[in-house]
N, C-alpha and C. Protein backbone atom coordinates (compact mmCIF):
# COMPACT_ATOMS: atom_id res chain seq x y z
N MET A 1 -11.79 12.73 -9.34
CA MET A 1 -11.18 11.53 -8.81
C MET A 1 -10.20 10.97 -9.83
N TYR A 2 -9.12 10.47 -9.34
CA TYR A 2 -8.10 9.90 -10.21
C TYR A 2 -8.41 8.44 -10.49
N GLU A 3 -7.91 7.94 -11.62
CA GLU A 3 -8.09 6.54 -11.98
C GLU A 3 -6.73 5.86 -12.03
N LEU A 4 -6.73 4.55 -11.84
CA LEU A 4 -5.48 3.80 -11.76
C LEU A 4 -4.78 3.64 -13.10
N GLN A 5 -5.51 3.33 -14.16
CA GLN A 5 -4.85 3.02 -15.44
C GLN A 5 -3.95 4.16 -15.95
N PRO A 6 -4.39 5.41 -15.92
CA PRO A 6 -3.47 6.48 -16.36
C PRO A 6 -2.22 6.57 -15.48
N LEU A 7 -2.38 6.31 -14.18
CA LEU A 7 -1.22 6.33 -13.29
C LEU A 7 -0.27 5.18 -13.60
N ILE A 8 -0.82 4.02 -13.84
CA ILE A 8 0.02 2.87 -14.21
C ILE A 8 0.77 3.15 -15.51
N GLN A 9 0.10 3.73 -16.47
CA GLN A 9 0.76 4.08 -17.74
C GLN A 9 1.84 5.13 -17.52
N ALA A 10 1.57 6.10 -16.66
CA ALA A 10 2.58 7.12 -16.35
C ALA A 10 3.80 6.50 -15.68
N LEU A 11 3.59 5.51 -14.81
CA LEU A 11 4.71 4.81 -14.18
C LEU A 11 5.52 4.04 -15.22
N ARG A 12 4.84 3.40 -16.16
CA ARG A 12 5.54 2.69 -17.25
C ARG A 12 6.41 3.66 -18.04
N THR A 13 5.82 4.79 -18.40
CA THR A 13 6.54 5.80 -19.18
C THR A 13 7.72 6.35 -18.40
N PHE A 14 7.50 6.65 -17.13
CA PHE A 14 8.55 7.17 -16.26
C PHE A 14 9.75 6.22 -16.24
N ALA A 15 9.47 4.92 -16.04
CA ALA A 15 10.54 3.92 -15.99
C ALA A 15 11.21 3.74 -17.36
N LEU A 16 10.40 3.73 -18.41
CA LEU A 16 10.92 3.55 -19.76
C LEU A 16 11.87 4.69 -20.14
N GLU A 17 11.49 5.91 -19.85
CA GLU A 17 12.33 7.07 -20.19
C GLU A 17 13.67 7.03 -19.48
N ARG A 18 13.74 6.38 -18.34
CA ARG A 18 14.97 6.31 -17.56
C ARG A 18 15.70 4.97 -17.71
N ASP A 19 15.16 4.10 -18.55
CA ASP A 19 15.70 2.75 -18.75
C ASP A 19 15.78 2.00 -17.43
N TRP A 20 14.73 2.11 -16.62
CA TRP A 20 14.69 1.46 -15.32
C TRP A 20 13.94 0.13 -15.34
N ALA A 21 13.28 -0.20 -16.43
CA ALA A 21 12.53 -1.45 -16.48
C ALA A 21 13.43 -2.65 -16.17
N GLN A 22 14.70 -2.53 -16.54
CA GLN A 22 15.65 -3.61 -16.29
C GLN A 22 15.81 -3.91 -14.79
N PHE A 23 15.47 -2.95 -13.94
CA PHE A 23 15.61 -3.11 -12.49
C PHE A 23 14.29 -3.50 -11.82
N HIS A 24 13.21 -3.54 -12.59
CA HIS A 24 11.88 -3.70 -12.01
C HIS A 24 11.36 -5.13 -12.04
N ALA A 25 12.22 -6.07 -11.71
CA ALA A 25 11.76 -7.45 -11.52
C ALA A 25 10.82 -7.45 -10.31
N PRO A 26 9.84 -8.34 -10.29
CA PRO A 26 8.93 -8.38 -9.14
C PRO A 26 9.65 -8.47 -7.80
N LYS A 27 10.70 -9.26 -7.71
CA LYS A 27 11.46 -9.37 -6.47
C LYS A 27 12.00 -8.01 -6.04
N ASN A 28 12.57 -7.27 -6.96
CA ASN A 28 13.14 -5.96 -6.63
C ASN A 28 12.05 -4.98 -6.22
N LEU A 29 10.92 -5.02 -6.90
CA LEU A 29 9.82 -4.12 -6.56
C LEU A 29 9.25 -4.46 -5.18
N ALA A 30 9.15 -5.75 -4.87
CA ALA A 30 8.66 -6.15 -3.55
C ALA A 30 9.63 -5.69 -2.46
N CYS A 31 10.92 -5.81 -2.72
CA CYS A 31 11.91 -5.33 -1.76
C CYS A 31 11.80 -3.83 -1.56
N ALA A 32 11.69 -3.09 -2.66
CA ALA A 32 11.57 -1.64 -2.58
C ALA A 32 10.29 -1.24 -1.84
N LEU A 33 9.22 -1.97 -2.09
CA LEU A 33 7.96 -1.72 -1.41
C LEU A 33 8.13 -1.89 0.10
N SER A 34 8.81 -2.93 0.51
CA SER A 34 9.05 -3.18 1.93
C SER A 34 9.88 -2.06 2.56
N VAL A 35 10.89 -1.61 1.87
CA VAL A 35 11.73 -0.52 2.37
C VAL A 35 10.90 0.75 2.54
N GLU A 36 10.08 1.05 1.55
CA GLU A 36 9.25 2.26 1.63
C GLU A 36 8.21 2.15 2.74
N ALA A 37 7.67 0.95 2.95
CA ALA A 37 6.72 0.75 4.05
C ALA A 37 7.41 0.99 5.40
N ALA A 38 8.66 0.56 5.51
CA ALA A 38 9.42 0.80 6.73
C ALA A 38 9.68 2.29 6.93
N GLU A 39 9.94 3.01 5.84
CA GLU A 39 10.13 4.46 5.94
C GLU A 39 8.84 5.15 6.36
N LEU A 40 7.71 4.64 5.92
CA LEU A 40 6.42 5.16 6.37
C LEU A 40 6.25 4.92 7.86
N LEU A 41 6.54 3.73 8.30
CA LEU A 41 6.42 3.36 9.71
C LEU A 41 7.32 4.22 10.59
N GLU A 42 8.46 4.59 10.09
CA GLU A 42 9.42 5.37 10.87
C GLU A 42 8.80 6.68 11.38
N HIS A 43 7.88 7.26 10.64
CA HIS A 43 7.25 8.51 11.06
C HIS A 43 6.36 8.34 12.29
N PHE A 44 5.98 7.12 12.60
CA PHE A 44 5.10 6.83 13.72
C PHE A 44 5.81 6.14 14.89
N GLN A 45 7.09 5.83 14.71
CA GLN A 45 7.81 4.93 15.60
C GLN A 45 7.66 5.26 17.08
N TRP A 46 7.83 6.48 17.48
CA TRP A 46 7.82 6.81 18.91
C TRP A 46 6.61 7.65 19.31
N LEU A 47 5.61 7.70 18.48
CA LEU A 47 4.42 8.49 18.80
C LEU A 47 3.44 7.68 19.64
N THR A 48 2.68 8.39 20.45
CA THR A 48 1.56 7.75 21.13
C THR A 48 0.45 7.56 20.11
N GLU A 49 -0.56 6.80 20.49
CA GLU A 49 -1.70 6.61 19.59
C GLU A 49 -2.33 7.96 19.25
N GLU A 50 -2.51 8.80 20.25
CA GLU A 50 -3.12 10.11 20.02
C GLU A 50 -2.25 10.97 19.10
N GLN A 51 -0.95 10.99 19.31
CA GLN A 51 -0.05 11.77 18.46
C GLN A 51 -0.12 11.28 17.01
N SER A 52 -0.27 9.97 16.84
CA SER A 52 -0.33 9.43 15.48
C SER A 52 -1.60 9.87 14.76
N ARG A 53 -2.62 10.23 15.51
CA ARG A 53 -3.89 10.67 14.92
C ARG A 53 -3.91 12.17 14.65
N THR A 54 -2.97 12.91 15.22
CA THR A 54 -2.99 14.36 15.10
C THR A 54 -1.63 14.89 14.63
N LEU A 55 -1.21 14.42 13.47
CA LEU A 55 0.07 14.85 12.91
C LEU A 55 0.03 16.32 12.53
N GLY A 56 1.14 17.00 12.72
CA GLY A 56 1.27 18.36 12.23
C GLY A 56 1.35 18.34 10.71
N GLU A 57 1.20 19.50 10.11
CA GLU A 57 1.16 19.58 8.64
C GLU A 57 2.45 19.07 8.00
N LYS A 58 3.60 19.42 8.57
CA LYS A 58 4.88 18.97 8.00
C LYS A 58 4.99 17.43 8.08
N SER A 59 4.62 16.87 9.22
CA SER A 59 4.66 15.41 9.37
C SER A 59 3.67 14.74 8.44
N LYS A 60 2.49 15.33 8.32
CA LYS A 60 1.46 14.75 7.45
C LYS A 60 1.93 14.73 5.99
N GLN A 61 2.61 15.78 5.56
CA GLN A 61 3.14 15.81 4.19
C GLN A 61 4.22 14.75 4.00
N ALA A 62 5.05 14.55 5.00
CA ALA A 62 6.09 13.53 4.91
C ALA A 62 5.47 12.13 4.86
N VAL A 63 4.44 11.90 5.66
CA VAL A 63 3.74 10.62 5.64
C VAL A 63 3.06 10.42 4.29
N ALA A 64 2.46 11.47 3.74
CA ALA A 64 1.82 11.37 2.43
C ALA A 64 2.84 10.98 1.35
N ALA A 65 4.03 11.55 1.41
CA ALA A 65 5.07 11.22 0.43
C ALA A 65 5.48 9.76 0.54
N GLU A 66 5.64 9.26 1.76
CA GLU A 66 6.02 7.86 1.94
C GLU A 66 4.87 6.93 1.53
N ALA A 67 3.64 7.30 1.86
CA ALA A 67 2.49 6.49 1.45
C ALA A 67 2.41 6.42 -0.07
N ALA A 68 2.71 7.52 -0.74
CA ALA A 68 2.72 7.53 -2.20
C ALA A 68 3.80 6.61 -2.74
N ASP A 69 4.97 6.61 -2.12
CA ASP A 69 6.04 5.68 -2.55
C ASP A 69 5.57 4.23 -2.44
N VAL A 70 4.93 3.89 -1.31
CA VAL A 70 4.43 2.53 -1.11
C VAL A 70 3.42 2.19 -2.20
N PHE A 71 2.49 3.10 -2.44
CA PHE A 71 1.44 2.88 -3.43
C PHE A 71 2.02 2.71 -4.83
N LEU A 72 2.98 3.56 -5.19
CA LEU A 72 3.56 3.48 -6.53
C LEU A 72 4.33 2.18 -6.75
N TYR A 73 5.09 1.76 -5.75
CA TYR A 73 5.79 0.48 -5.89
C TYR A 73 4.80 -0.68 -5.96
N LEU A 74 3.72 -0.62 -5.19
CA LEU A 74 2.71 -1.67 -5.23
C LEU A 74 2.06 -1.73 -6.61
N LEU A 75 1.76 -0.58 -7.18
CA LEU A 75 1.19 -0.55 -8.54
C LEU A 75 2.16 -1.14 -9.55
N GLN A 76 3.44 -0.80 -9.43
CA GLN A 76 4.43 -1.34 -10.37
C GLN A 76 4.57 -2.85 -10.22
N LEU A 77 4.56 -3.33 -8.98
CA LEU A 77 4.65 -4.77 -8.74
C LEU A 77 3.46 -5.49 -9.37
N CYS A 78 2.27 -4.97 -9.14
CA CYS A 78 1.07 -5.60 -9.72
C CYS A 78 1.09 -5.51 -11.24
N ASP A 79 1.58 -4.42 -11.78
CA ASP A 79 1.67 -4.28 -13.23
C ASP A 79 2.62 -5.33 -13.81
N GLN A 80 3.75 -5.54 -13.17
CA GLN A 80 4.72 -6.54 -13.64
C GLN A 80 4.14 -7.95 -13.60
N LEU A 81 3.28 -8.22 -12.62
CA LEU A 81 2.72 -9.56 -12.46
C LEU A 81 1.34 -9.71 -13.08
N ASP A 82 0.89 -8.67 -13.78
CA ASP A 82 -0.42 -8.67 -14.42
C ASP A 82 -1.53 -8.97 -13.41
N ILE A 83 -1.47 -8.29 -12.28
CA ILE A 83 -2.49 -8.39 -11.24
C ILE A 83 -3.36 -7.14 -11.31
N ASP A 84 -4.65 -7.34 -11.40
CA ASP A 84 -5.60 -6.23 -11.34
C ASP A 84 -5.77 -5.89 -9.87
N LEU A 85 -5.10 -4.85 -9.41
CA LEU A 85 -5.08 -4.52 -7.99
C LEU A 85 -6.47 -4.18 -7.46
N MET A 86 -7.26 -3.47 -8.23
CA MET A 86 -8.61 -3.14 -7.77
C MET A 86 -9.45 -4.40 -7.61
N ALA A 87 -9.38 -5.31 -8.57
CA ALA A 87 -10.13 -6.57 -8.48
C ALA A 87 -9.64 -7.39 -7.28
N ALA A 88 -8.32 -7.44 -7.09
CA ALA A 88 -7.76 -8.19 -5.97
C ALA A 88 -8.20 -7.58 -4.63
N ALA A 89 -8.24 -6.27 -4.56
CA ALA A 89 -8.65 -5.60 -3.32
C ALA A 89 -10.12 -5.86 -3.02
N TRP A 90 -10.99 -5.77 -4.03
CA TRP A 90 -12.41 -6.06 -3.82
C TRP A 90 -12.61 -7.51 -3.40
N HIS A 91 -11.87 -8.42 -4.03
CA HIS A 91 -11.97 -9.84 -3.67
C HIS A 91 -11.52 -10.05 -2.22
N LYS A 92 -10.42 -9.45 -1.85
CA LYS A 92 -9.89 -9.60 -0.49
C LYS A 92 -10.86 -9.04 0.54
N LEU A 93 -11.51 -7.93 0.22
CA LEU A 93 -12.51 -7.37 1.13
C LEU A 93 -13.66 -8.36 1.35
N GLN A 94 -14.08 -9.01 0.27
CA GLN A 94 -15.14 -10.02 0.37
C GLN A 94 -14.69 -11.21 1.22
N VAL A 95 -13.47 -11.67 0.98
CA VAL A 95 -12.92 -12.78 1.76
C VAL A 95 -12.86 -12.41 3.24
N ASN A 96 -12.40 -11.20 3.53
CA ASN A 96 -12.30 -10.75 4.92
C ASN A 96 -13.67 -10.62 5.57
N ALA A 97 -14.67 -10.20 4.80
CA ALA A 97 -16.03 -10.11 5.33
C ALA A 97 -16.54 -11.49 5.75
N GLU A 98 -16.16 -12.50 5.00
CA GLU A 98 -16.56 -13.86 5.35
C GLU A 98 -15.77 -14.38 6.56
N LYS A 99 -14.50 -14.03 6.64
CA LYS A 99 -13.67 -14.47 7.76
C LYS A 99 -14.07 -13.76 9.06
N TYR A 100 -14.50 -12.52 8.93
CA TYR A 100 -14.81 -11.68 10.08
C TYR A 100 -16.26 -11.21 10.04
N PRO A 101 -17.21 -12.12 10.25
CA PRO A 101 -18.61 -11.69 10.23
C PRO A 101 -18.87 -10.69 11.36
N VAL A 102 -19.71 -9.72 11.09
CA VAL A 102 -19.95 -8.64 12.05
C VAL A 102 -20.31 -9.15 13.44
N PRO A 103 -21.24 -10.08 13.58
CA PRO A 103 -21.61 -10.50 14.94
C PRO A 103 -20.43 -11.05 15.75
N ALA A 104 -19.50 -11.73 15.10
CA ALA A 104 -18.37 -12.32 15.81
C ALA A 104 -17.19 -11.37 15.96
N ALA A 105 -17.00 -10.47 15.01
CA ALA A 105 -15.79 -9.65 14.98
C ALA A 105 -15.98 -8.25 15.55
N ARG A 106 -17.19 -7.80 15.66
CA ARG A 106 -17.45 -6.41 16.08
C ARG A 106 -16.83 -6.12 17.46
N GLY A 107 -15.98 -5.10 17.48
CA GLY A 107 -15.43 -4.60 18.74
C GLY A 107 -14.24 -5.36 19.29
N ASN A 108 -13.68 -6.29 18.54
CA ASN A 108 -12.48 -6.97 19.03
C ASN A 108 -11.48 -7.12 17.90
N SER A 109 -10.26 -7.43 18.27
CA SER A 109 -9.19 -7.51 17.28
C SER A 109 -8.63 -8.92 17.14
N ARG A 110 -9.38 -9.90 17.58
CA ARG A 110 -8.91 -11.28 17.46
C ARG A 110 -8.83 -11.71 16.00
N LYS A 111 -7.89 -12.59 15.73
CA LYS A 111 -7.76 -13.17 14.40
C LYS A 111 -8.96 -14.05 14.11
N TYR A 112 -9.31 -14.18 12.83
CA TYR A 112 -10.49 -14.94 12.44
C TYR A 112 -10.48 -16.38 12.97
N THR A 113 -9.30 -16.95 13.15
CA THR A 113 -9.22 -18.32 13.66
C THR A 113 -9.59 -18.41 15.13
N GLU A 114 -9.67 -17.26 15.80
CA GLU A 114 -10.02 -17.22 17.23
C GLU A 114 -11.45 -16.74 17.47
N LEU A 115 -12.19 -16.45 16.43
CA LEU A 115 -13.56 -15.96 16.61
C LEU A 115 -14.53 -17.10 16.87
């Protein structure tokens, strides 16, 4: 299994070697993240739900590449803002568990304010 810290360090090194840190303001990284998320979405744009679940190998590889772009920009954004992404994710999962208790949320997609 891979760990986040070595990947974050590799991203720092990658940017440093190319003198790209000057472009990695949080605003720019958030914008790039949004663009990459849109590129990920593009692979699903006209698919049915079933087609989206059964991608061919070529499509799956393309989706994996876009998902990696999203993930890498998110890691860089969190690194720039000194956010522990794993801690934030665990915290958010706990918050969501409180907002969406199983008895009220099971089997429906309503927002927590409507439960």
